[in-house]
Amino acid sequence: MSSFDDTNNKLLDYYKANTFVEITDTSQLLKFEEPSRISYFFQPSTIDSTKRKFTYKVKESIIKTENYQWDLLVLVDNDQKMENVYYWLKSYDNNRKQVGHLDFASWSGDKRHFTSGRVDCDSTLHMILNNGKEHRIFTTDQTGKNSLTETIKQ
């Protein structure tokens, strides 16, 4: 399975359509990250010290229930020759306390590294790893916490 060629890959569609909100200051980032992690995401570029090493973007509430919501977060590494994009999901309770996390998808511009992610039915998360050789299935409980429930070797 290669989601580079998948015409229904919503992650690529979201990214290409620029439907994410870019986080540009630390006060915005505190909604999504712990204070101890802020400096990592806002560190200066090693190539151009007037710019940041990463671009951090968010698409909030891709899953929303009565007890929790999942946000889709994107990190673009601006210091690489090829575009490298990392996606992860974080779930938060109604008080914005993080209850779940999943490094969901990533790819490199040279297509040597790729992990595909998919959400089904607001409670099942799928990941395709190792160039299609492994399929991991996660389920989300009533609080928003995710657990690995099945690994299928292909």
N, C-alpha and C. Protein backbone atom coordinates (compact mmCIF):
# COMPACT_ATOMS: atom_id res chain seq x y z
N MET A 1 0.85 -1.18 0.00
CA MET A 1 0.00 0.00 0.00
C MET A 1 0.89 1.24 0.00
N SER A 2 0.60 2.17 -0.88
CA SER A 2 1.32 3.42 -0.93
C SER A 2 0.33 4.57 -1.01
N SER A 3 0.26 5.34 0.05
CA SER A 3 -0.70 6.44 0.06
C SER A 3 -0.23 7.63 -0.77
N PHE A 4 1.01 7.59 -1.29
CA PHE A 4 1.41 8.63 -2.23
C PHE A 4 0.49 8.61 -3.44
N ASP A 5 0.02 7.42 -3.80
CA ASP A 5 -0.82 7.27 -4.98
C ASP A 5 -2.31 7.19 -4.65
N ASP A 6 -2.67 7.27 -3.38
CA ASP A 6 -4.06 7.15 -2.94
C ASP A 6 -4.79 8.46 -3.18
N THR A 7 -5.75 8.46 -4.08
CA THR A 7 -6.49 9.69 -4.39
C THR A 7 -7.42 10.10 -3.25
N ASN A 8 -7.68 9.21 -2.29
CA ASN A 8 -8.55 9.53 -1.17
C ASN A 8 -7.78 9.80 0.12
N ASN A 9 -6.50 10.10 0.03
CA ASN A 9 -5.69 10.35 1.21
C ASN A 9 -5.97 11.76 1.73
N LYS A 10 -6.79 11.84 2.79
CA LYS A 10 -7.20 13.14 3.33
C LYS A 10 -6.03 13.93 3.90
N LEU A 11 -4.99 13.25 4.43
CA LEU A 11 -3.84 13.96 4.95
C LEU A 11 -3.17 14.77 3.86
N LEU A 12 -2.93 14.13 2.72
CA LEU A 12 -2.32 14.84 1.60
C LEU A 12 -3.25 15.93 1.09
N ASP A 13 -4.55 15.66 1.04
CA ASP A 13 -5.51 16.66 0.60
C ASP A 13 -5.51 17.87 1.53
N TYR A 14 -5.53 17.63 2.85
CA TYR A 14 -5.50 18.73 3.82
C TYR A 14 -4.23 19.57 3.63
N TYR A 15 -3.11 18.87 3.45
CA TYR A 15 -1.83 19.56 3.33
C TYR A 15 -1.77 20.38 2.04
N LYS A 16 -2.15 19.77 0.93
CA LYS A 16 -2.11 20.47 -0.36
C LYS A 16 -3.07 21.64 -0.41
N ALA A 17 -4.24 21.50 0.22
CA ALA A 17 -5.24 22.57 0.22
C ALA A 17 -4.96 23.63 1.30
N ASN A 18 -3.91 23.40 2.09
CA ASN A 18 -3.52 24.32 3.15
C ASN A 18 -4.68 24.63 4.10
N THR A 19 -5.35 23.58 4.58
CA THR A 19 -6.48 23.75 5.49
C THR A 19 -6.06 23.79 6.95
N PHE A 20 -4.76 23.79 7.19
CA PHE A 20 -4.24 23.86 8.56
C PHE A 20 -4.00 25.31 8.95
N VAL A 21 -4.06 25.58 10.24
CA VAL A 21 -3.74 26.89 10.78
C VAL A 21 -2.30 26.84 11.29
N GLU A 22 -1.48 27.75 10.83
CA GLU A 22 -0.10 27.79 11.28
C GLU A 22 -0.02 28.46 12.65
N ILE A 23 0.73 27.85 13.54
CA ILE A 23 0.95 28.38 14.88
C ILE A 23 2.19 29.26 14.82
N THR A 24 2.02 30.55 15.12
CA THR A 24 3.11 31.50 14.93
C THR A 24 3.69 32.07 16.21
N ASP A 25 3.02 31.84 17.35
CA ASP A 25 3.61 32.35 18.59
C ASP A 25 3.40 31.34 19.72
N THR A 26 4.16 31.53 20.78
CA THR A 26 4.18 30.55 21.87
C THR A 26 2.85 30.46 22.60
N SER A 27 2.12 31.56 22.70
CA SER A 27 0.83 31.50 23.41
C SER A 27 -0.16 30.62 22.65
N GLN A 28 -0.12 30.62 21.34
CA GLN A 28 -0.98 29.72 20.54
C GLN A 28 -0.56 28.27 20.76
N LEU A 29 0.74 28.04 20.79
CA LEU A 29 1.26 26.67 20.89
C LEU A 29 0.94 26.02 22.23
N LEU A 30 0.78 26.83 23.28
CA LEU A 30 0.46 26.28 24.60
C LEU A 30 -0.87 25.52 24.62
N LYS A 31 -1.73 25.79 23.69
CA LYS A 31 -3.00 25.06 23.61
C LYS A 31 -2.78 23.60 23.20
N PHE A 32 -1.67 23.33 22.50
CA PHE A 32 -1.43 22.01 21.94
C PHE A 32 -0.23 21.28 22.54
N GLU A 33 0.67 22.01 23.18
CA GLU A 33 1.91 21.42 23.69
C GLU A 33 2.15 21.83 25.14
N GLU A 34 2.89 21.00 25.83
CA GLU A 34 3.32 21.29 27.19
C GLU A 34 4.36 22.42 27.15
N PRO A 35 4.40 23.27 28.18
CA PRO A 35 5.36 24.38 28.18
C PRO A 35 6.81 23.94 27.97
N SER A 36 7.19 22.78 28.48
CA SER A 36 8.57 22.32 28.34
C SER A 36 8.96 21.98 26.90
N ARG A 37 7.97 21.82 26.02
CA ARG A 37 8.25 21.47 24.63
C ARG A 37 8.25 22.67 23.67
N ILE A 38 7.86 23.82 24.15
CA ILE A 38 7.72 25.01 23.29
C ILE A 38 9.04 25.38 22.61
N SER A 39 10.13 25.41 23.37
CA SER A 39 11.41 25.84 22.80
C SER A 39 11.87 24.92 21.67
N TYR A 40 11.54 23.63 21.75
CA TYR A 40 11.92 22.71 20.68
C TYR A 40 11.25 23.12 19.36
N PHE A 41 9.97 23.39 19.40
CA PHE A 41 9.24 23.71 18.18
C PHE A 41 9.55 25.10 17.65
N PHE A 42 10.05 25.99 18.50
CA PHE A 42 10.35 27.35 18.07
C PHE A 42 11.85 27.62 17.96
N GLN A 43 12.66 26.59 17.88
CA GLN A 43 14.09 26.80 17.76
C GLN A 43 14.44 27.40 16.40
N PRO A 44 15.52 28.17 16.35
CA PRO A 44 15.90 28.79 15.08
C PRO A 44 16.45 27.76 14.09
N SER A 45 16.32 28.09 12.84
CA SER A 45 16.85 27.25 11.78
C SER A 45 18.37 27.22 11.85
N THR A 46 18.97 26.10 11.53
CA THR A 46 20.43 26.02 11.46
C THR A 46 20.93 26.55 10.12
N ILE A 47 20.03 26.69 9.17
CA ILE A 47 20.38 27.20 7.84
C ILE A 47 20.25 28.72 7.78
N ASP A 48 19.18 29.24 8.37
CA ASP A 48 18.90 30.68 8.37
C ASP A 48 18.37 31.07 9.73
N SER A 49 19.21 31.68 10.56
CA SER A 49 18.84 31.97 11.95
C SER A 49 17.71 32.99 12.07
N THR A 50 17.31 33.64 10.99
CA THR A 50 16.18 34.56 11.04
C THR A 50 14.85 33.83 10.90
N LYS A 51 14.91 32.53 10.63
CA LYS A 51 13.70 31.72 10.47
C LYS A 51 13.68 30.62 11.51
N ARG A 52 12.52 29.96 11.65
CA ARG A 52 12.40 28.82 12.57
C ARG A 52 12.73 27.52 11.84
N LYS A 53 13.24 26.58 12.60
CA LYS A 53 13.56 25.27 12.04
C LYS A 53 12.30 24.53 11.60
N PHE A 54 11.20 24.70 12.35
CA PHE A 54 9.97 23.97 12.05
C PHE A 54 8.82 24.92 11.76
N THR A 55 7.91 24.45 10.95
CA THR A 55 6.60 25.08 10.80
C THR A 55 5.61 24.15 11.48
N TYR A 56 4.85 24.67 12.40
CA TYR A 56 3.90 23.89 13.21
C TYR A 56 2.50 24.32 12.79
N LYS A 57 1.68 23.35 12.37
CA LYS A 57 0.32 23.65 11.92
C LYS A 57 -0.68 22.73 12.61
N VAL A 58 -1.93 23.19 12.66
CA VAL A 58 -2.97 22.45 13.37
C VAL A 58 -4.27 22.43 12.56
N LYS A 59 -4.92 21.29 12.60
CA LYS A 59 -6.31 21.18 12.14
C LYS A 59 -7.07 20.63 13.34
N GLU A 60 -7.82 21.51 14.00
CA GLU A 60 -8.49 21.13 15.23
C GLU A 60 -9.74 20.30 14.98
N SER A 61 -10.05 19.48 15.96
CA SER A 61 -11.32 18.74 16.03
C SER A 61 -11.61 17.89 14.81
N ILE A 62 -10.61 17.13 14.34
CA ILE A 62 -10.94 16.23 13.23
C ILE A 62 -11.87 15.12 13.72
N ILE A 63 -11.81 14.85 15.02
CA ILE A 63 -12.79 13.98 15.67
C ILE A 63 -13.26 14.73 16.91
N LYS A 64 -14.56 14.84 17.08
CA LYS A 64 -15.10 15.53 18.26
C LYS A 64 -16.24 14.70 18.81
N THR A 65 -16.16 14.38 20.10
CA THR A 65 -17.22 13.65 20.77
C THR A 65 -17.62 14.45 22.01
N GLU A 66 -18.53 13.92 22.76
CA GLU A 66 -18.98 14.59 23.98
C GLU A 66 -17.86 14.68 25.03
N ASN A 67 -16.95 13.70 25.04
CA ASN A 67 -15.93 13.62 26.09
C ASN A 67 -14.53 14.04 25.67
N TYR A 68 -14.24 14.09 24.39
CA TYR A 68 -12.88 14.40 23.94
C TYR A 68 -12.91 14.89 22.50
N GLN A 69 -11.75 15.42 22.10
CA GLN A 69 -11.56 15.76 20.69
C GLN A 69 -10.14 15.38 20.29
N TRP A 70 -9.98 15.01 19.01
CA TRP A 70 -8.66 14.74 18.44
C TRP A 70 -8.31 15.90 17.53
N ASP A 71 -7.08 16.40 17.68
CA ASP A 71 -6.54 17.41 16.78
C ASP A 71 -5.45 16.76 15.93
N LEU A 72 -5.36 17.20 14.69
CA LEU A 72 -4.31 16.73 13.79
C LEU A 72 -3.24 17.81 13.73
N LEU A 73 -2.02 17.46 14.09
CA LEU A 73 -0.91 18.40 14.17
C LEU A 73 0.12 18.05 13.10
N VAL A 74 0.71 19.08 12.51
CA VAL A 74 1.68 18.89 11.43
C VAL A 74 2.95 19.63 11.78
N LEU A 75 4.07 18.98 11.57
CA LEU A 75 5.36 19.61 11.75
C LEU A 75 6.14 19.46 10.45
N VAL A 76 6.55 20.58 9.87
CA VAL A 76 7.35 20.57 8.65
C VAL A 76 8.76 20.97 9.04
N ASP A 77 9.74 20.13 8.72
CA ASP A 77 11.13 20.42 9.03
C ASP A 77 11.69 21.29 7.90
N ASN A 78 11.97 22.55 8.20
CA ASN A 78 12.45 23.49 7.19
C ASN A 78 13.95 23.42 6.96
N ASP A 79 14.66 22.63 7.74
CA ASP A 79 16.11 22.53 7.62
C ASP A 79 16.58 21.36 6.77
N GLN A 80 15.69 20.67 6.14
CA GLN A 80 16.06 19.54 5.30
C GLN A 80 16.04 19.96 3.83
N LYS A 81 16.89 19.33 3.02
CA LYS A 81 16.91 19.63 1.59
C LYS A 81 15.59 19.24 0.94
N MET A 82 15.07 18.09 1.35
CA MET A 82 13.79 17.62 0.86
C MET A 82 12.73 17.91 1.90
N GLU A 83 11.51 18.10 1.47
CA GLU A 83 10.43 18.36 2.42
C GLU A 83 10.18 17.11 3.27
N ASN A 84 10.17 17.30 4.57
CA ASN A 84 9.87 16.24 5.52
C ASN A 84 8.71 16.70 6.37
N VAL A 85 7.63 15.92 6.35
CA VAL A 85 6.40 16.29 7.03
C VAL A 85 6.04 15.20 8.03
N TYR A 86 5.68 15.61 9.24
CA TYR A 86 5.31 14.68 10.30
C TYR A 86 3.91 15.05 10.79
N TYR A 87 3.05 14.06 10.91
CA TYR A 87 1.70 14.26 11.43
C TYR A 87 1.56 13.47 12.72
N TRP A 88 0.87 14.03 13.66
CA TRP A 88 0.49 13.26 14.82
C TRP A 88 -0.89 13.71 15.28
N LEU A 89 -1.54 12.83 15.97
CA LEU A 89 -2.85 13.09 16.54
C LEU A 89 -2.70 13.21 18.04
N LYS A 90 -3.43 14.16 18.61
CA LYS A 90 -3.49 14.28 20.06
C LYS A 90 -4.95 14.41 20.44
N SER A 91 -5.34 13.67 21.47
CA SER A 91 -6.69 13.82 21.98
C SER A 91 -6.63 14.55 23.31
N TYR A 92 -7.66 15.36 23.53
CA TYR A 92 -7.76 16.17 24.73
C TYR A 92 -9.15 15.99 25.32
N ASP A 93 -9.20 16.00 26.66
CA ASP A 93 -10.51 15.98 27.31
C ASP A 93 -11.13 17.38 27.22
N ASN A 94 -12.28 17.57 27.82
CA ASN A 94 -12.97 18.86 27.73
C ASN A 94 -12.26 19.99 28.47
N ASN A 95 -11.25 19.65 29.29
CA ASN A 95 -10.44 20.66 29.97
C ASN A 95 -9.10 20.90 29.26
N ARG A 96 -8.96 20.38 28.04
CA ARG A 96 -7.75 20.47 27.22
C ARG A 96 -6.56 19.74 27.84
N LYS A 97 -6.83 18.73 28.66
CA LYS A 97 -5.76 17.87 29.16
C LYS A 97 -5.56 16.76 28.13
N GLN A 98 -4.30 16.57 27.73
CA GLN A 98 -4.02 15.55 26.73
C GLN A 98 -4.26 14.16 27.30
N VAL A 99 -5.03 13.33 26.57
CA VAL A 99 -5.31 11.97 27.02
C VAL A 99 -4.82 10.91 26.04
N GLY A 100 -4.54 11.29 24.80
CA GLY A 100 -4.07 10.33 23.82
C GLY A 100 -3.10 10.98 22.86
N HIS A 101 -2.24 10.14 22.25
CA HIS A 101 -1.24 10.63 21.30
C HIS A 101 -0.91 9.49 20.34
N LEU A 102 -0.74 9.84 19.08
CA LEU A 102 -0.30 8.85 18.10
C LEU A 102 0.50 9.55 17.02
N ASP A 103 1.78 9.13 16.85
CA ASP A 103 2.56 9.60 15.71
C ASP A 103 1.93 8.93 14.51
N PHE A 104 1.24 9.70 13.73
CA PHE A 104 0.23 9.16 12.82
C PHE A 104 0.71 8.93 11.39
N ALA A 105 1.47 9.86 10.85
CA ALA A 105 1.91 9.71 9.47
C ALA A 105 3.12 10.61 9.26
N SER A 106 3.95 10.24 8.29
CA SER A 106 5.09 11.08 7.94
C SER A 106 5.59 10.67 6.58
N TRP A 107 6.30 11.60 5.95
CA TRP A 107 6.96 11.25 4.69
C TRP A 107 8.09 12.22 4.43
N SER A 108 9.02 11.75 3.62
CA SER A 108 10.12 12.59 3.19
C SER A 108 9.92 12.89 1.71
N GLY A 109 10.42 14.02 1.28
CA GLY A 109 10.26 14.45 -0.10
C GLY A 109 10.87 13.50 -1.11
N ASP A 110 11.86 12.74 -0.70
CA ASP A 110 12.48 11.79 -1.62
C ASP A 110 11.77 10.44 -1.63
N LYS A 111 10.69 10.33 -0.88
CA LYS A 111 9.84 9.13 -0.80
C LYS A 111 10.57 7.90 -0.24
N ARG A 112 11.69 8.11 0.46
CA ARG A 112 12.37 6.97 1.08
C ARG A 112 11.73 6.60 2.41
N HIS A 113 11.10 7.57 3.04
CA HIS A 113 10.48 7.32 4.35
C HIS A 113 8.99 7.67 4.24
N PHE A 114 8.13 6.72 4.60
CA PHE A 114 6.70 6.97 4.51
C PHE A 114 5.96 6.14 5.53
N THR A 115 5.07 6.78 6.26
CA THR A 115 4.14 6.11 7.17
C THR A 115 2.78 6.70 6.88
N SER A 116 1.81 5.86 6.65
CA SER A 116 0.47 6.32 6.28
C SER A 116 -0.48 6.17 7.45
N GLY A 117 -1.37 7.13 7.62
CA GLY A 117 -2.37 7.05 8.68
C GLY A 117 -3.77 7.25 8.13
N ARG A 118 -4.76 6.64 8.80
CA ARG A 118 -6.16 6.76 8.38
C ARG A 118 -7.05 6.67 9.61
N VAL A 119 -8.13 7.44 9.64
CA VAL A 119 -9.09 7.40 10.73
C VAL A 119 -10.38 6.81 10.20
N ASP A 120 -10.95 5.84 10.92
CA ASP A 120 -12.23 5.23 10.55
C ASP A 120 -13.22 5.39 11.69
N CYS A 121 -14.41 5.79 11.40
CA CYS A 121 -15.54 5.76 12.34
C CYS A 121 -15.30 6.50 13.65
N ASP A 122 -14.43 7.48 13.67
CA ASP A 122 -14.14 8.29 14.85
C ASP A 122 -13.58 7.50 16.04
N SER A 123 -13.35 6.21 15.89
CA SER A 123 -12.83 5.45 17.03
C SER A 123 -11.74 4.46 16.64
N THR A 124 -11.43 4.33 15.37
CA THR A 124 -10.40 3.40 14.93
C THR A 124 -9.37 4.15 14.11
N LEU A 125 -8.09 3.95 14.46
CA LEU A 125 -6.98 4.60 13.77
C LEU A 125 -6.13 3.51 13.12
N HIS A 126 -5.73 3.73 11.88
CA HIS A 126 -4.93 2.76 11.15
C HIS A 126 -3.60 3.39 10.75
N MET A 127 -2.53 2.59 10.80
CA MET A 127 -1.23 3.03 10.31
C MET A 127 -0.64 1.94 9.44
N ILE A 128 -0.08 2.34 8.31
CA ILE A 128 0.64 1.43 7.44
C ILE A 128 2.11 1.80 7.55
N LEU A 129 2.95 0.83 7.94
CA LEU A 129 4.37 1.08 8.19
C LEU A 129 5.25 0.22 7.31
N ASN A 130 6.53 0.56 7.29
CA ASN A 130 7.55 -0.23 6.60
C ASN A 130 7.20 -0.50 5.15
N ASN A 131 6.85 0.56 4.45
CA ASN A 131 6.50 0.46 3.03
C ASN A 131 5.42 -0.58 2.76
N GLY A 132 4.40 -0.56 3.59
CA GLY A 132 3.25 -1.43 3.37
C GLY A 132 3.36 -2.81 3.97
N LYS A 133 4.40 -3.07 4.75
CA LYS A 133 4.61 -4.42 5.28
C LYS A 133 3.97 -4.64 6.65
N GLU A 134 3.48 -3.58 7.26
CA GLU A 134 2.86 -3.73 8.59
C GLU A 134 1.67 -2.79 8.71
N HIS A 135 0.59 -3.30 9.25
CA HIS A 135 -0.64 -2.52 9.44
C HIS A 135 -0.96 -2.58 10.92
N ARG A 136 -1.01 -1.41 11.57
CA ARG A 136 -1.34 -1.34 12.99
C ARG A 136 -2.72 -0.70 13.14
N ILE A 137 -3.51 -1.28 14.02
CA ILE A 137 -4.87 -0.78 14.27
C ILE A 137 -4.98 -0.38 15.74
N PHE A 138 -5.43 0.85 15.95
CA PHE A 138 -5.61 1.41 17.29
C PHE A 138 -7.08 1.71 17.48
N THR A 139 -7.57 1.52 18.69
CA THR A 139 -8.94 1.92 19.00
C THR A 139 -8.89 3.01 20.08
N THR A 140 -9.93 3.81 20.10
CA THR A 140 -10.03 4.90 21.05
C THR A 140 -11.18 4.61 22.00
N ASP A 141 -10.91 4.73 23.30
CA ASP A 141 -11.96 4.46 24.28
C ASP A 141 -12.84 5.69 24.51
N GLN A 142 -13.74 5.62 25.46
CA GLN A 142 -14.71 6.69 25.70
C GLN A 142 -14.08 7.97 26.24
N THR A 143 -12.84 7.87 26.74
CA THR A 143 -12.17 9.06 27.27
C THR A 143 -11.25 9.73 26.24
N GLY A 144 -11.04 9.07 25.10
CA GLY A 144 -10.15 9.61 24.07
C GLY A 144 -8.78 8.97 24.06
N LYS A 145 -8.53 8.04 24.97
CA LYS A 145 -7.25 7.35 25.03
C LYS A 145 -7.21 6.29 23.94
N ASN A 146 -6.08 6.19 23.23
CA ASN A 146 -5.93 5.21 22.17
C ASN A 146 -5.02 4.05 22.61
N SER A 147 -5.34 2.85 22.11
CA SER A 147 -4.56 1.66 22.41
C SER A 147 -4.37 0.82 21.16
N LEU A 148 -3.19 0.26 21.02
CA LEU A 148 -2.90 -0.66 19.91
C LEU A 148 -3.70 -1.94 20.15
N THR A 149 -4.53 -2.32 19.19
CA THR A 149 -5.35 -3.53 19.35
C THR A 149 -4.95 -4.66 18.40
N GLU A 150 -4.26 -4.32 17.31
CA GLU A 150 -3.92 -5.38 16.37
C GLU A 150 -2.75 -4.92 15.49
N THR A 151 -1.85 -5.87 15.22
CA THR A 151 -0.76 -5.65 14.27
C THR A 151 -0.81 -6.76 13.23
N ILE A 152 -0.87 -6.38 11.98
CA ILE A 152 -0.94 -7.34 10.88
C ILE A 152 0.31 -7.19 10.03
N LYS A 153 1.10 -8.26 9.93
CA LYS A 153 2.28 -8.27 9.07
C LYS A 153 1.82 -8.65 7.67
N GLN A 154 2.25 -7.90 6.69
CA GLN A 154 1.80 -8.14 5.32
C GLN A 154 2.86 -8.84 4.51
